Amino acid sequence: MNLLVDLAALFEGSLDIGMIFWLYPSLGGIEYIVHHSLSAIAVAYAMMSGEGQLYTYMVLISEVTTPEINMRWYLDTAGMKRSSAYLINGIVIFFGWLVARVLLFVYMFYHVYLHYDQVKQMHIFGFFLVFMVPAVLGIMNLMWFGKIIKGLKKTLTKRQ
């Protein structure tokens, strides 16, 4: 069974890598590659070493915002920028992003601080990942959150 899981993960991972490079840059620029590469490295490390799994899960929870981002793209492509669905989706993205990608990351760093004695016992690579991956992704999340706020303001202004 473990071999089957490993093969499935390898297959799915290769599909992700193929999609990233095949559709680059239409799905996103260098930040898209950085985001997915760091995430893949951290998840692979947590799975293989057993270290840092809680922090990996905390970061992965942020992907709960992905369906709303995809829905925004569909609504935009369908020419529904002035619809109530587009506005509601924007509000859901704002609150979802705030909770899952801003506040959760703040809590995660607080948790690392509280449990630093345990974190420093990790292998040096895992220790590095616990600080580097969430820091880089957190900065990117804040940059995107700024764009979300700007877009929501623009949408609300147009509706008045």
N, C-alpha and C. Protein backbone atom coordinates (compact mmCIF):
# COMPACT_ATOMS: atom_id res chain seq x y z
N MET A 1 0.83 -1.20 0.00
CA MET A 1 0.00 0.00 0.00
C MET A 1 0.86 1.26 0.00
N ASN A 2 1.97 1.24 0.75
CA ASN A 2 2.84 2.39 0.82
C ASN A 2 3.44 2.71 -0.56
N LEU A 3 3.79 1.67 -1.32
CA LEU A 3 4.33 1.87 -2.66
C LEU A 3 3.29 2.54 -3.55
N LEU A 4 2.04 2.12 -3.43
CA LEU A 4 0.97 2.71 -4.21
C LEU A 4 0.80 4.19 -3.90
N VAL A 5 0.84 4.54 -2.63
CA VAL A 5 0.73 5.94 -2.21
C VAL A 5 1.91 6.73 -2.76
N ASP A 6 3.12 6.17 -2.66
CA ASP A 6 4.31 6.85 -3.17
C ASP A 6 4.21 7.08 -4.68
N LEU A 7 3.76 6.07 -5.41
CA LEU A 7 3.63 6.21 -6.86
C LEU A 7 2.56 7.23 -7.23
N ALA A 8 1.45 7.22 -6.50
CA ALA A 8 0.39 8.19 -6.75
C ALA A 8 0.89 9.61 -6.48
N ALA A 9 1.63 9.79 -5.39
CA ALA A 9 2.17 11.11 -5.06
C ALA A 9 3.17 11.56 -6.12
N LEU A 10 4.01 10.65 -6.58
CA LEU A 10 4.99 10.97 -7.61
C LEU A 10 4.29 11.37 -8.91
N PHE A 11 3.26 10.63 -9.29
CA PHE A 11 2.51 10.93 -10.51
C PHE A 11 1.84 12.29 -10.41
N GLU A 12 1.15 12.53 -9.29
CA GLU A 12 0.45 13.80 -9.11
C GLU A 12 1.43 14.97 -9.05
N GLY A 13 2.55 14.76 -8.39
CA GLY A 13 3.56 15.81 -8.32
C GLY A 13 4.14 16.14 -9.68
N SER A 14 4.35 15.11 -10.50
CA SER A 14 4.89 15.38 -11.84
C SER A 14 3.87 16.11 -12.70
N LEU A 15 2.58 15.84 -12.48
CA LEU A 15 1.55 16.60 -13.20
C LEU A 15 1.59 18.07 -12.80
N ASP A 16 1.74 18.33 -11.50
CA ASP A 16 1.83 19.72 -11.03
C ASP A 16 3.02 20.43 -11.64
N ILE A 17 4.17 19.77 -11.64
CA ILE A 17 5.38 20.39 -12.21
C ILE A 17 5.19 20.64 -13.69
N GLY A 18 4.61 19.67 -14.39
CA GLY A 18 4.34 19.84 -15.82
C GLY A 18 3.43 21.02 -16.08
N MET A 19 2.37 21.14 -15.29
CA MET A 19 1.42 22.24 -15.46
C MET A 19 2.10 23.59 -15.19
N ILE A 20 2.91 23.63 -14.14
CA ILE A 20 3.58 24.88 -13.79
C ILE A 20 4.45 25.37 -14.94
N PHE A 21 5.25 24.48 -15.51
CA PHE A 21 6.16 24.89 -16.57
C PHE A 21 5.49 25.01 -17.93
N TRP A 22 4.50 24.18 -18.20
CA TRP A 22 3.82 24.22 -19.48
C TRP A 22 3.00 25.50 -19.62
N LEU A 23 2.34 25.90 -18.55
CA LEU A 23 1.47 27.07 -18.60
C LEU A 23 2.14 28.35 -18.10
N TYR A 24 3.43 28.28 -17.79
CA TYR A 24 4.16 29.46 -17.34
C TYR A 24 4.28 30.44 -18.50
N PRO A 25 4.07 31.71 -18.37
CA PRO A 25 3.70 32.46 -17.17
C PRO A 25 2.21 32.77 -17.08
N SER A 26 1.38 32.10 -17.88
CA SER A 26 -0.04 32.47 -17.89
C SER A 26 -0.75 32.27 -16.55
N LEU A 27 -0.29 31.32 -15.73
CA LEU A 27 -0.90 31.11 -14.42
C LEU A 27 -0.27 31.97 -13.33
N GLY A 28 0.83 32.59 -13.63
CA GLY A 28 1.53 33.42 -12.65
C GLY A 28 2.99 33.51 -13.02
N GLY A 29 3.65 34.50 -12.51
CA GLY A 29 5.06 34.71 -12.80
C GLY A 29 5.96 33.89 -11.91
N ILE A 30 7.12 34.45 -11.60
CA ILE A 30 8.11 33.75 -10.79
C ILE A 30 7.56 33.45 -9.39
N GLU A 31 6.66 34.31 -8.89
CA GLU A 31 6.08 34.06 -7.56
C GLU A 31 5.28 32.75 -7.54
N TYR A 32 4.69 32.40 -8.67
CA TYR A 32 3.95 31.15 -8.79
C TYR A 32 4.89 29.95 -8.62
N ILE A 33 6.05 30.03 -9.26
CA ILE A 33 7.03 28.95 -9.16
C ILE A 33 7.62 28.89 -7.75
N VAL A 34 7.94 30.05 -7.17
CA VAL A 34 8.50 30.09 -5.81
C VAL A 34 7.49 29.49 -4.82
N HIS A 35 6.24 29.91 -4.91
CA HIS A 35 5.18 29.43 -4.01
C HIS A 35 5.07 27.91 -4.07
N HIS A 36 4.94 27.37 -5.27
CA HIS A 36 4.74 25.93 -5.40
C HIS A 36 6.01 25.13 -5.11
N SER A 37 7.15 25.66 -5.45
CA SER A 37 8.40 24.94 -5.16
C SER A 37 8.65 24.85 -3.66
N LEU A 38 8.52 25.96 -2.95
CA LEU A 38 8.72 25.95 -1.50
C LEU A 38 7.72 25.02 -0.82
N SER A 39 6.48 25.08 -1.26
CA SER A 39 5.45 24.22 -0.67
C SER A 39 5.77 22.75 -0.90
N ALA A 40 6.16 22.41 -2.11
CA ALA A 40 6.47 21.01 -2.44
C ALA A 40 7.66 20.50 -1.62
N ILE A 41 8.68 21.32 -1.48
CA ILE A 41 9.86 20.93 -0.70
C ILE A 41 9.47 20.71 0.76
N ALA A 42 8.69 21.63 1.32
CA ALA A 42 8.29 21.52 2.73
C ALA A 42 7.40 20.30 2.97
N VAL A 43 6.46 20.06 2.08
CA VAL A 43 5.57 18.90 2.24
C VAL A 43 6.36 17.61 2.11
N ALA A 44 7.24 17.54 1.11
CA ALA A 44 8.06 16.34 0.93
C ALA A 44 8.93 16.09 2.15
N TYR A 45 9.55 17.13 2.67
CA TYR A 45 10.40 16.98 3.85
C TYR A 45 9.59 16.48 5.05
N ALA A 46 8.43 17.09 5.28
CA ALA A 46 7.59 16.69 6.42
C ALA A 46 7.14 15.24 6.28
N MET A 47 6.79 14.84 5.06
CA MET A 47 6.35 13.46 4.84
C MET A 47 7.48 12.46 5.06
N MET A 48 8.65 12.78 4.55
CA MET A 48 9.75 11.81 4.60
C MET A 48 10.46 11.78 5.96
N SER A 49 10.52 12.93 6.62
CA SER A 49 11.26 12.98 7.88
C SER A 49 10.37 12.84 9.12
N GLY A 50 9.10 13.20 8.97
CA GLY A 50 8.20 13.21 10.12
C GLY A 50 8.34 14.46 10.97
N GLU A 51 9.19 15.38 10.56
CA GLU A 51 9.40 16.63 11.31
C GLU A 51 8.59 17.76 10.71
N GLY A 52 8.16 18.66 11.57
CA GLY A 52 7.50 19.88 11.11
C GLY A 52 6.13 19.67 10.50
N GLN A 53 5.50 18.54 10.79
CA GLN A 53 4.21 18.25 10.16
C GLN A 53 3.12 19.23 10.59
N LEU A 54 3.10 19.61 11.84
CA LEU A 54 2.09 20.56 12.30
C LEU A 54 2.20 21.87 11.54
N TYR A 55 3.40 22.37 11.37
CA TYR A 55 3.59 23.64 10.67
C TYR A 55 3.28 23.49 9.18
N THR A 56 3.58 22.34 8.63
CA THR A 56 3.23 22.09 7.23
C THR A 56 1.71 22.10 7.07
N TYR A 57 1.00 21.45 7.98
CA TYR A 57 -0.46 21.44 7.91
C TYR A 57 -1.03 22.84 8.09
N MET A 58 -0.44 23.60 8.99
CA MET A 58 -0.93 24.97 9.22
C MET A 58 -0.79 25.80 7.95
N VAL A 59 0.32 25.65 7.25
CA VAL A 59 0.51 26.39 6.00
C VAL A 59 -0.44 25.86 4.93
N LEU A 60 -0.64 24.55 4.87
CA LEU A 60 -1.53 23.98 3.86
C LEU A 60 -2.99 24.38 4.07
N ILE A 61 -3.38 24.67 5.31
CA ILE A 61 -4.75 25.13 5.58
C ILE A 61 -5.04 26.40 4.77
N SER A 62 -4.01 27.17 4.49
CA SER A 62 -4.22 28.41 3.73
C SER A 62 -4.78 28.14 2.33
N GLU A 63 -4.63 26.92 1.84
CA GLU A 63 -5.15 26.59 0.51
C GLU A 63 -6.67 26.53 0.49
N VAL A 64 -7.32 26.70 1.64
CA VAL A 64 -8.77 26.74 1.69
C VAL A 64 -9.31 27.92 0.87
N THR A 65 -8.47 28.89 0.59
CA THR A 65 -8.89 30.07 -0.19
C THR A 65 -8.85 29.82 -1.70
N THR A 66 -8.26 28.73 -2.12
CA THR A 66 -8.10 28.47 -3.56
C THR A 66 -9.43 28.39 -4.32
N PRO A 67 -10.47 27.71 -3.81
CA PRO A 67 -11.73 27.68 -4.58
C PRO A 67 -12.32 29.07 -4.83
N GLU A 68 -12.19 29.96 -3.87
CA GLU A 68 -12.72 31.32 -4.07
C GLU A 68 -11.92 32.07 -5.13
N ILE A 69 -10.60 31.86 -5.14
CA ILE A 69 -9.76 32.50 -6.16
C ILE A 69 -10.14 31.97 -7.54
N ASN A 70 -10.34 30.66 -7.63
CA ASN A 70 -10.75 30.06 -8.90
C ASN A 70 -12.12 30.58 -9.34
N MET A 71 -13.05 30.71 -8.39
CA MET A 71 -14.38 31.23 -8.71
C MET A 71 -14.29 32.67 -9.21
N ARG A 72 -13.41 33.47 -8.64
CA ARG A 72 -13.22 34.84 -9.10
C ARG A 72 -12.79 34.85 -10.56
N TRP A 73 -11.88 33.94 -10.92
CA TRP A 73 -11.42 33.85 -12.31
C TRP A 73 -12.57 33.48 -13.23
N TYR A 74 -13.38 32.49 -12.81
CA TYR A 74 -14.53 32.08 -13.64
C TYR A 74 -15.51 33.23 -13.82
N LEU A 75 -15.83 33.93 -12.74
CA LEU A 75 -16.76 35.05 -12.83
C LEU A 75 -16.21 36.16 -13.72
N ASP A 76 -14.93 36.44 -13.61
CA ASP A 76 -14.29 37.45 -14.45
C ASP A 76 -14.33 37.03 -15.91
N THR A 77 -13.98 35.79 -16.19
CA THR A 77 -13.96 35.28 -17.56
C THR A 77 -15.36 35.28 -18.17
N ALA A 78 -16.37 35.04 -17.34
CA ALA A 78 -17.76 35.02 -17.81
C ALA A 78 -18.34 36.43 -17.95
N GLY A 79 -17.53 37.46 -17.67
CA GLY A 79 -18.00 38.83 -17.80
C GLY A 79 -18.97 39.25 -16.70
N MET A 80 -18.80 38.69 -15.52
CA MET A 80 -19.74 38.95 -14.42
C MET A 80 -19.13 39.83 -13.33
N LYS A 81 -18.24 40.74 -13.71
CA LYS A 81 -17.58 41.59 -12.71
C LYS A 81 -18.55 42.49 -11.96
N ARG A 82 -19.67 42.80 -12.54
CA ARG A 82 -20.64 43.69 -11.89
C ARG A 82 -21.76 42.92 -11.19
N SER A 83 -21.64 41.61 -11.12
CA SER A 83 -22.70 40.80 -10.51
C SER A 83 -22.57 40.75 -8.98
N SER A 84 -23.67 40.39 -8.34
CA SER A 84 -23.65 40.21 -6.88
C SER A 84 -22.74 39.05 -6.51
N ALA A 85 -22.71 38.02 -7.35
CA ALA A 85 -21.86 36.86 -7.07
C ALA A 85 -20.39 37.27 -7.01
N TYR A 86 -19.98 38.17 -7.90
CA TYR A 86 -18.59 38.63 -7.93
C TYR A 86 -18.27 39.41 -6.65
N LEU A 87 -19.19 40.25 -6.22
CA LEU A 87 -19.00 41.03 -4.99
C LEU A 87 -18.93 40.11 -3.77
N ILE A 88 -19.88 39.19 -3.68
CA ILE A 88 -19.89 38.25 -2.55
C ILE A 88 -18.61 37.42 -2.54
N ASN A 89 -18.19 36.96 -3.71
CA ASN A 89 -16.96 36.19 -3.81
C ASN A 89 -15.76 37.02 -3.34
N GLY A 90 -15.72 38.29 -3.70
CA GLY A 90 -14.63 39.17 -3.27
C GLY A 90 -14.60 39.35 -1.76
N ILE A 91 -15.77 39.47 -1.16
CA ILE A 91 -15.86 39.61 0.30
C ILE A 91 -15.41 38.32 0.98
N VAL A 92 -15.84 37.17 0.43
CA VAL A 92 -15.42 35.88 0.99
C VAL A 92 -13.91 35.70 0.85
N ILE A 93 -13.35 36.10 -0.29
CA ILE A 93 -11.90 36.03 -0.47
C ILE A 93 -11.20 36.88 0.59
N PHE A 94 -11.69 38.10 0.80
CA PHE A 94 -11.07 39.00 1.78
C PHE A 94 -11.03 38.36 3.16
N PHE A 95 -12.19 37.89 3.65
CA PHE A 95 -12.23 37.32 5.00
C PHE A 95 -11.49 35.98 5.08
N GLY A 96 -11.64 35.17 4.04
CA GLY A 96 -10.93 33.89 4.02
C GLY A 96 -9.43 34.09 4.02
N TRP A 97 -8.96 35.03 3.22
CA TRP A 97 -7.53 35.32 3.15
C TRP A 97 -7.03 35.87 4.48
N LEU A 98 -7.81 36.77 5.06
CA LEU A 98 -7.43 37.36 6.35
C LEU A 98 -7.23 36.26 7.40
N VAL A 99 -8.18 35.34 7.48
CA VAL A 99 -8.10 34.29 8.50
C VAL A 99 -7.06 33.24 8.15
N ALA A 100 -7.13 32.69 6.92
CA ALA A 100 -6.31 31.52 6.56
C ALA A 100 -4.89 31.86 6.14
N ARG A 101 -4.65 33.07 5.68
CA ARG A 101 -3.32 33.37 5.16
C ARG A 101 -2.62 34.51 5.89
N VAL A 102 -3.32 35.23 6.72
CA VAL A 102 -2.67 36.29 7.49
C VAL A 102 -2.66 35.92 8.98
N LEU A 103 -3.84 35.80 9.57
CA LEU A 103 -3.91 35.52 11.01
C LEU A 103 -3.34 34.14 11.36
N LEU A 104 -3.60 33.14 10.53
CA LEU A 104 -3.07 31.80 10.81
C LEU A 104 -1.55 31.80 10.77
N PHE A 105 -0.96 32.55 9.85
CA PHE A 105 0.50 32.62 9.78
C PHE A 105 1.06 33.32 11.02
N VAL A 106 0.38 34.37 11.48
CA VAL A 106 0.81 35.04 12.71
C VAL A 106 0.77 34.05 13.87
N TYR A 107 -0.32 33.30 13.96
CA TYR A 107 -0.43 32.30 15.02
C TYR A 107 0.66 31.23 14.89
N MET A 108 0.95 30.82 13.67
CA MET A 108 1.96 29.79 13.47
C MET A 108 3.33 30.26 13.97
N PHE A 109 3.70 31.50 13.66
CA PHE A 109 4.98 32.02 14.15
C PHE A 109 4.97 32.16 15.67
N TYR A 110 3.82 32.50 16.24
CA TYR A 110 3.70 32.55 17.69
C TYR A 110 3.89 31.16 18.28
N HIS A 111 3.32 30.16 17.63
CA HIS A 111 3.46 28.77 18.08
C HIS A 111 4.92 28.32 18.01
N VAL A 112 5.61 28.69 16.94
CA VAL A 112 7.04 28.36 16.81
C VAL A 112 7.81 29.02 17.96
N TYR A 113 7.47 30.27 18.27
CA TYR A 113 8.13 30.98 19.37
C TYR A 113 7.90 30.26 20.70
N LEU A 114 6.64 29.86 20.95
CA LEU A 114 6.32 29.17 22.20
C LEU A 114 7.03 27.82 22.33
N HIS A 115 7.24 27.15 21.21
CA HIS A 115 7.81 25.81 21.22
C HIS A 115 9.20 25.78 20.59
N TYR A 116 9.90 26.89 20.72
CA TYR A 116 11.22 27.00 20.09
C TYR A 116 12.19 25.93 20.60
N ASP A 117 12.10 25.56 21.87
CA ASP A 117 12.99 24.52 22.40
C ASP A 117 12.83 23.20 21.65
N GLN A 118 11.62 22.90 21.22
CA GLN A 118 11.39 21.69 20.43
C GLN A 118 11.81 21.88 18.98
N VAL A 119 11.50 23.05 18.43
CA VAL A 119 11.83 23.33 17.03
C VAL A 119 13.34 23.27 16.80
N LYS A 120 14.12 23.78 17.74
CA LYS A 120 15.57 23.79 17.55
C LYS A 120 16.19 22.39 17.62
N GLN A 121 15.43 21.40 18.04
CA GLN A 121 15.92 20.02 18.06
C GLN A 121 15.74 19.33 16.70
N MET A 122 15.08 19.99 15.78
CA MET A 122 14.88 19.42 14.45
C MET A 122 16.20 19.37 13.70
N HIS A 123 16.23 18.55 12.65
CA HIS A 123 17.38 18.53 11.75
C HIS A 123 17.55 19.94 11.19
N ILE A 124 18.76 20.34 10.87
CA ILE A 124 19.05 21.71 10.43
C ILE A 124 18.22 22.11 9.20
N PHE A 125 18.01 21.17 8.27
CA PHE A 125 17.22 21.48 7.08
C PHE A 125 15.76 21.74 7.46
N GLY A 126 15.20 20.91 8.34
CA GLY A 126 13.84 21.11 8.81
C GLY A 126 13.68 22.40 9.59
N PHE A 127 14.67 22.70 10.43
CA PHE A 127 14.68 23.95 11.19
C PHE A 127 14.66 25.14 10.22
N PHE A 128 15.48 25.06 9.19
CA PHE A 128 15.54 26.10 8.17
C PHE A 128 14.19 26.25 7.46
N LEU A 129 13.57 25.11 7.12
CA LEU A 129 12.28 25.15 6.43
C LEU A 129 11.18 25.76 7.30
N VAL A 130 11.19 25.46 8.60
CA VAL A 130 10.15 25.98 9.50
C VAL A 130 10.16 27.51 9.52
N PHE A 131 11.33 28.10 9.34
CA PHE A 131 11.41 29.56 9.33
C PHE A 131 11.33 30.15 7.93
N MET A 132 12.01 29.53 6.97
CA MET A 132 12.09 30.13 5.64
C MET A 132 10.79 30.03 4.86
N VAL A 133 10.22 28.83 4.77
CA VAL A 133 9.03 28.64 3.93
C VAL A 133 7.86 29.51 4.40
N PRO A 134 7.45 29.45 5.67
CA PRO A 134 6.34 30.31 6.08
C PRO A 134 6.66 31.80 5.97
N ALA A 135 7.92 32.19 6.19
CA ALA A 135 8.27 33.61 6.07
C ALA A 135 8.09 34.09 4.64
N VAL A 136 8.62 33.33 3.68
CA VAL A 136 8.50 33.73 2.27
C VAL A 136 7.03 33.70 1.84
N LEU A 137 6.33 32.60 2.17
CA LEU A 137 4.92 32.51 1.80
C LEU A 137 4.09 33.58 2.52
N GLY A 138 4.44 33.88 3.76
CA GLY A 138 3.73 34.92 4.50
C GLY A 138 3.89 36.29 3.85
N ILE A 139 5.10 36.61 3.41
CA ILE A 139 5.33 37.88 2.71
C ILE A 139 4.52 37.93 1.42
N MET A 140 4.55 36.82 0.68
CA MET A 140 3.76 36.76 -0.56
C MET A 140 2.27 36.90 -0.26
N ASN A 141 1.80 36.25 0.80
CA ASN A 141 0.39 36.36 1.18
C ASN A 141 0.00 37.79 1.52
N LEU A 142 0.89 38.50 2.21
CA LEU A 142 0.61 39.90 2.54
C LEU A 142 0.57 40.77 1.29
N MET A 143 1.47 40.49 0.35
CA MET A 143 1.45 41.24 -0.91
C MET A 143 0.14 40.99 -1.66
N TRP A 144 -0.28 39.73 -1.74
CA TRP A 144 -1.53 39.40 -2.41
C TRP A 144 -2.73 39.96 -1.65
N PHE A 145 -2.64 39.97 -0.32
CA PHE A 145 -3.73 40.52 0.49
C PHE A 145 -3.90 42.01 0.19
N GLY A 146 -2.79 42.72 0.00
CA GLY A 146 -2.87 44.12 -0.40
C GLY A 146 -3.60 44.28 -1.73
N LYS A 147 -3.34 43.37 -2.67
CA LYS A 147 -4.03 43.41 -3.96
C LYS A 147 -5.51 43.08 -3.79
N ILE A 148 -5.82 42.16 -2.89
CA ILE A 148 -7.23 41.81 -2.63
C ILE A 148 -7.97 43.01 -2.06
N ILE A 149 -7.35 43.71 -1.11
CA ILE A 149 -7.97 44.91 -0.53
C ILE A 149 -8.19 45.96 -1.61
N LYS A 150 -7.18 46.17 -2.43
CA LYS A 150 -7.28 47.16 -3.51
C LYS A 150 -8.41 46.78 -4.48
N GLY A 151 -8.49 45.49 -4.85
CA GLY A 151 -9.54 45.03 -5.76
C GLY A 151 -10.92 45.14 -5.15
N LEU A 152 -11.04 44.82 -3.86
CA LEU A 152 -12.34 44.91 -3.19
C LEU A 152 -12.79 46.36 -3.10
N LYS A 153 -11.86 47.26 -2.79
CA LYS A 153 -12.20 48.69 -2.75
C LYS A 153 -12.67 49.16 -4.13
N LYS A 154 -11.98 48.73 -5.17
CA LYS A 154 -12.33 49.11 -6.54
C LYS A 154 -13.73 48.60 -6.89
N THR A 155 -14.01 47.35 -6.54
CA THR A 155 -15.32 46.76 -6.83
C THR A 155 -16.42 47.48 -6.05
N LEU A 156 -16.17 47.78 -4.78
CA LEU A 156 -17.18 48.47 -3.97
C LEU A 156 -17.41 49.89 -4.46
N THR A 157 -16.35 50.56 -4.90
CA THR A 157 -16.47 51.92 -5.42
C THR A 157 -17.31 51.94 -6.70
N LYS A 158 -17.11 50.97 -7.57
CA LYS A 158 -17.87 50.90 -8.82
C LYS A 158 -19.35 50.64 -8.57
N ARG A 159 -19.67 49.95 -7.49
CA ARG A 159 -21.06 49.59 -7.21
C ARG A 159 -21.85 50.76 -6.64
N GLN A 160 -21.17 51.80 -6.15
CA GLN A 160 -21.88 52.92 -5.53
C GLN A 160 -22.24 53.97 -6.54
